[in-house]
Amino acid sequence: MNIAIVGATGNVGRKILEVLEKKDLAMDNLYLLASSRSAGSKINFKGNDHEVLDLETFDFSKVKITFFAAGAKISEKFIEKAAKHSLVIDNSSFYRMDPDVPLIVPQVNSDHLNNIKKNIIANPNCSTAQLVLPLKPLHDLFIIKRIVVSTYQSVSGGGKAPMDELIEQTKSVLENKKIQSKNFTKQIAFNVIPHIDLFADDGYTKEELKMVNETKKILDNKIDLTATCVRLPVLVSHSESVNIELKNLLH
């Protein structure tokens, strides 16, 4: 089996490589893809250096499975091309609400894989993925009516640049230097910001709406859900506080 990873030089791409190495998945060839800026650089996998290839010129007929981990704009531009030849697993938001693309958390709704129409599988938002895992058995047993969830998300959810900014801002605060915010609406160091992604017309942020819409698609469209998403000044690890109202009584 041949596998390609688009966005191999980024945080998510490197994490996929880490998981593949831990799982010791059998494969014949691994192709690491990124923009022309990163092409030619090397990434180590299982003790061997792999050259990063240019996404623009790559022939996807070489691979059986392609992971996309480079953001929605890259997914929009290249996934249809890749899906003509290989099964695509997309980590971006671009295909998540496409009715013809299954949105999958394997432990929750792997049965939806029986209905792959475009050769594309979407992966949900990080906060949605960890939310639906405990919801699934509860919904099977008691039927969930309503969910109120508050998330406390690390800066890693925004990628490498926000992580670097948190480190730099923290140093600046401790050295009494002036703070400049580039990837956040406010200072993130020693602060919490109840604002992730853009605001929609109804006052919710896009991050909050993702949780609502994706949970409904994965689990049950009848569930009522409201979310508040907060960014924390930590590098890695999301947490959630979840209040659940059940239709049937606990036994």
Protein backbone atom coordinates (compact mmCIF):
# COMPACT_ATOMS: atom_id res chain seq x y z
CA MET A 1 0.00 0.00 0.00
CA ASN A 2 1.26 3.48 -0.94
CA ILE A 3 0.30 6.50 1.18
CA ALA A 4 0.66 10.25 0.59
CA ILE A 5 0.43 13.05 3.15
CA VAL A 6 -0.38 16.54 1.89
CA GLY A 7 0.91 19.16 4.31
CA ALA A 8 3.53 16.81 5.71
CA THR A 9 5.69 19.66 7.02
CA GLY A 10 2.92 21.18 9.17
CA ASN A 11 1.78 20.34 12.71
CA VAL A 12 -1.04 18.02 11.64
CA GLY A 13 1.02 16.32 8.95
CA ARG A 14 3.81 15.58 11.40
CA LYS A 15 1.29 14.22 13.90
CA ILE A 16 -0.11 11.88 11.22
CA LEU A 17 3.44 10.64 10.60
CA GLU A 18 3.89 10.09 14.33
CA VAL A 19 0.69 8.04 14.53
CA LEU A 20 1.58 5.99 11.44
CA GLU A 21 4.96 5.21 12.97
CA LYS A 22 3.45 4.16 16.31
CA LYS A 23 0.83 2.00 14.58
CA ASP A 24 3.55 0.45 12.42
CA LEU A 25 1.16 0.42 9.47
CA ALA A 26 2.44 -1.71 6.62
CA MET A 27 3.10 0.33 3.49
CA ASP A 28 5.28 0.04 0.44
CA ASN A 29 5.91 3.73 -0.25
CA LEU A 30 5.30 6.96 1.65
CA TYR A 31 5.08 10.25 -0.25
CA LEU A 32 5.39 13.49 1.73
CA LEU A 33 3.88 16.47 -0.10
CA ALA A 34 3.95 20.21 0.56
CA SER A 35 4.24 23.52 -1.27
CA SER A 36 7.14 24.28 -3.58
CA ARG A 37 8.72 26.27 -0.73
CA SER A 38 9.18 23.08 1.30
CA ALA A 39 9.95 20.76 -1.62
CA GLY A 40 13.40 19.22 -1.32
CA SER A 41 13.53 19.34 2.47
CA LYS A 42 13.80 16.06 4.43
CA ILE A 43 11.57 14.50 7.11
CA ASN A 44 12.62 11.43 9.08
CA PHE A 45 10.19 8.50 9.27
CA LYS A 46 11.15 5.17 10.88
CA GLY A 47 14.81 6.12 10.80
CA ASN A 48 14.89 7.07 7.13
CA ASP A 49 14.92 10.52 5.58
CA HIS A 50 12.11 11.16 3.09
CA GLU A 51 12.33 14.02 0.61
CA VAL A 52 9.36 16.38 0.56
CA LEU A 53 7.79 16.54 -2.90
CA ASP A 54 5.99 19.41 -4.64
CA LEU A 55 2.20 19.01 -4.31
CA GLU A 56 1.59 20.91 -7.56
CA THR A 57 3.32 18.31 -9.73
CA PHE A 58 2.61 15.08 -7.82
CA ASP A 59 0.99 12.13 -9.60
CA PHE A 60 -1.74 10.78 -7.27
CA SER A 61 -2.13 7.61 -9.32
CA LYS A 62 0.87 6.33 -7.36
CA VAL A 63 -1.03 6.11 -4.07
CA LYS A 64 -3.95 4.24 -2.52
CA ILE A 65 -4.69 6.60 0.41
CA THR A 66 -3.99 10.35 0.63
CA PHE A 67 -4.20 12.32 3.86
CA PHE A 68 -4.86 16.05 3.43
CA ALA A 69 -3.57 18.13 6.36
CA ALA A 70 -2.95 21.54 4.79
CA GLY A 71 -6.13 23.58 5.32
CA ALA A 72 -9.37 24.20 3.45
CA LYS A 73 -7.89 26.22 0.57
CA ILE A 74 -5.49 23.43 -0.37
CA SER A 75 -8.26 20.84 -0.01
CA GLU A 76 -10.52 22.87 -2.29
CA LYS A 77 -7.81 23.12 -4.94
CA PHE A 78 -6.36 19.59 -4.96
CA ILE A 79 -8.68 17.00 -3.41
CA GLU A 80 -10.84 16.35 -6.47
CA LYS A 81 -7.67 15.69 -8.45
CA ALA A 82 -6.38 13.30 -5.78
CA ALA A 83 -9.75 11.55 -5.33
CA LYS A 84 -9.75 10.47 -8.98
CA HIS A 85 -6.95 8.05 -8.10
CA SER A 86 -6.86 7.49 -4.33
CA LEU A 87 -9.10 7.45 -1.28
CA VAL A 88 -8.78 10.86 0.39
CA ILE A 89 -9.01 11.50 4.14
CA ASP A 90 -9.38 15.25 4.63
CA ASN A 91 -8.57 16.99 7.92
CA SER A 92 -9.79 20.41 6.78
CA SER A 93 -13.28 21.91 7.10
CA PHE A 94 -13.91 22.09 3.35
CA TYR A 95 -15.88 18.85 2.81
CA ARG A 96 -17.30 18.31 6.30
CA MET A 97 -20.84 19.45 5.55
CA ASP A 98 -20.96 18.09 2.00
CA PRO A 99 -23.98 15.71 2.02
CA ASP A 100 -22.11 13.32 -0.29
CA VAL A 101 -19.02 13.09 1.95
CA PRO A 102 -19.18 11.05 5.18
CA LEU A 103 -17.92 12.86 8.31
CA ILE A 104 -16.24 10.15 10.31
CA VAL A 105 -15.12 9.43 13.85
CA PRO A 106 -14.39 5.68 13.56
CA GLN A 107 -15.51 4.74 17.08
CA VAL A 108 -18.83 6.58 16.56
CA ASN A 109 -20.14 6.23 13.00
CA SER A 110 -17.89 3.92 10.99
CA ASP A 111 -21.07 2.53 9.38
CA HIS A 112 -21.23 5.79 7.36
CA LEU A 113 -18.18 4.53 5.46
CA ASN A 114 -20.56 2.27 3.56
CA ASN A 115 -21.76 5.36 1.67
CA ILE A 116 -18.63 6.86 0.09
CA LYS A 117 -19.65 8.59 -3.15
CA LYS A 118 -16.77 10.93 -3.99
CA ASN A 119 -13.82 8.82 -2.75
CA ILE A 120 -13.48 11.38 0.08
CA ILE A 121 -13.78 10.96 3.86
CA ALA A 122 -13.95 14.10 6.04
CA ASN A 123 -12.48 14.38 9.51
CA PRO A 124 -14.34 16.63 12.01
CA ASN A 125 -13.13 19.60 13.99
CA CYS A 126 -10.87 18.58 16.89
CA SER A 127 -13.39 19.68 19.54
CA THR A 128 -16.24 17.84 17.81
CA ALA A 129 -14.21 14.63 17.58
CA GLN A 130 -13.53 14.45 21.31
CA LEU A 131 -17.12 15.48 22.13
CA VAL A 132 -18.93 12.77 20.16
CA LEU A 133 -16.85 9.92 21.63
CA PRO A 134 -18.57 9.99 25.07
CA LEU A 135 -21.89 11.11 23.53
CA LYS A 136 -22.24 8.01 21.34
CA PRO A 137 -22.83 5.38 24.09
CA LEU A 138 -25.09 7.77 26.02
CA HIS A 139 -27.17 8.47 22.93
CA ASP A 140 -27.48 4.75 22.19
CA LEU A 141 -28.74 4.04 25.70
CA PHE A 142 -30.84 7.05 26.63
CA ILE A 143 -31.30 9.38 23.60
CA ILE A 144 -29.72 12.82 24.01
CA LYS A 145 -32.09 15.80 23.82
CA ARG A 146 -29.80 18.76 24.50
CA ILE A 147 -26.12 19.56 25.00
CA VAL A 148 -24.42 22.63 26.44
CA VAL A 149 -20.68 22.47 25.82
CA SER A 150 -17.87 24.86 26.68
CA THR A 151 -14.46 24.19 25.18
CA TYR A 152 -11.08 25.31 26.47
CA GLN A 153 -8.75 24.99 23.50
CA SER A 154 -5.00 25.27 23.23
CA VAL A 155 -3.31 27.44 20.62
CA SER A 156 -2.16 24.32 18.73
CA GLY A 157 -5.67 24.27 17.24
CA GLY A 158 -4.59 27.23 15.12
CA GLY A 159 -1.35 25.67 13.92
CA LYS A 160 2.36 26.42 14.32
CA ALA A 161 2.20 30.22 13.98
CA PRO A 162 -0.17 30.70 16.98
CA MET A 163 1.99 28.35 19.05
CA ASP A 164 5.08 30.39 18.21
CA GLU A 165 3.19 33.59 19.03
CA LEU A 166 2.18 32.32 22.48
CA ILE A 167 5.81 31.51 23.27
CA GLU A 168 7.01 34.91 22.06
CA GLN A 169 4.23 36.82 23.83
CA THR A 170 4.93 34.99 27.09
CA LYS A 171 8.61 35.96 26.88
CA SER A 172 7.64 39.58 26.11
CA VAL A 173 5.25 39.82 29.07
CA LEU A 174 7.87 38.47 31.46
CA GLU A 175 10.43 40.93 30.08
CA ASN A 176 7.95 43.87 30.20
CA LYS A 177 8.09 44.31 26.43
CA LYS A 178 5.30 45.56 24.17
CA ILE A 179 2.87 42.87 22.96
CA GLN A 180 1.79 42.51 19.34
CA SER A 181 -1.07 40.16 18.46
CA LYS A 182 -0.89 38.64 14.97
CA ASN A 183 -2.97 35.45 15.13
CA PHE A 184 -5.36 36.43 17.94
CA THR A 185 -7.83 39.26 18.46
CA LYS A 186 -6.31 39.99 21.88
CA GLN A 187 -3.13 39.21 23.78
CA ILE A 188 -3.09 35.43 24.36
CA ALA A 189 -0.23 35.21 26.86
CA PHE A 190 -1.64 35.01 30.43
CA ASN A 191 -5.13 35.52 29.03
CA VAL A 192 -8.20 33.60 27.80
CA ILE A 193 -10.13 34.65 24.68
CA PRO A 194 -13.76 33.51 24.13
CA HIS A 195 -13.32 33.95 20.39
CA ILE A 196 -12.08 31.27 17.96
CA ASP A 197 -12.50 31.93 14.22
CA LEU A 198 -14.83 34.59 12.79
CA PHE A 199 -18.17 35.67 14.21
CA ALA A 200 -21.34 34.76 12.30
CA ASP A 201 -24.40 37.02 12.09
CA ASP A 202 -26.09 35.26 15.03
CA GLY A 203 -23.21 36.01 17.40
CA TYR A 204 -21.75 32.50 17.43
CA THR A 205 -18.23 31.98 16.11
CA LYS A 206 -17.55 29.65 13.19
CA GLU A 207 -15.76 27.30 15.61
CA GLU A 208 -18.91 27.06 17.73
CA LEU A 209 -21.12 26.52 14.69
CA LYS A 210 -18.80 23.76 13.47
CA MET A 211 -19.40 21.87 16.71
CA VAL A 212 -23.17 22.24 16.36
CA ASN A 213 -23.42 21.23 12.71
CA GLU A 214 -20.81 18.48 12.77
CA THR A 215 -22.21 16.80 15.90
CA LYS A 216 -25.65 16.72 14.30
CA LYS A 217 -24.25 15.19 11.10
CA ILE A 218 -22.18 12.56 12.91
CA LEU A 219 -24.62 11.59 15.66
CA ASP A 220 -28.21 12.80 15.23
CA ASN A 221 -29.72 15.88 13.57
CA LYS A 222 -32.44 16.04 16.25
CA ILE A 223 -30.02 16.87 19.07
CA ASP A 224 -30.09 20.49 20.26
CA LEU A 225 -26.61 21.82 20.98
CA THR A 226 -25.09 25.14 21.99
CA ALA A 227 -21.34 25.73 22.24
CA THR A 228 -18.97 28.34 23.64
CA CYS A 229 -15.36 28.02 22.48
CA VAL A 230 -12.53 29.63 24.44
CA ARG A 231 -8.85 29.87 23.52
CA LEU A 232 -6.38 29.24 26.36
CA PRO A 233 -2.72 30.26 26.72
CA VAL A 234 -1.43 26.66 26.59
CA LEU A 235 0.46 25.02 23.74
CA VAL A 236 -1.27 21.63 23.47
CA SER A 237 -4.45 19.92 24.71
CA HIS A 238 -8.13 20.80 24.43
CA SER A 239 -10.64 20.21 27.22
CA GLU A 240 -14.43 20.45 27.40
CA SER A 241 -17.18 20.89 29.96
CA VAL A 242 -20.34 19.13 28.77
CA ASN A 243 -23.88 19.31 30.21
CA ILE A 244 -26.20 16.69 28.72
CA GLU A 245 -30.00 16.39 28.96
CA LEU A 246 -31.25 12.88 28.26
CA LYS A 247 -34.69 11.85 26.96
CA ASN A 248 -34.87 8.56 28.89
CA LEU A 249 -34.19 8.09 32.59
CA LEU A 250 -30.92 6.61 33.80
CA HIS A 251 -31.46 3.10 35.18
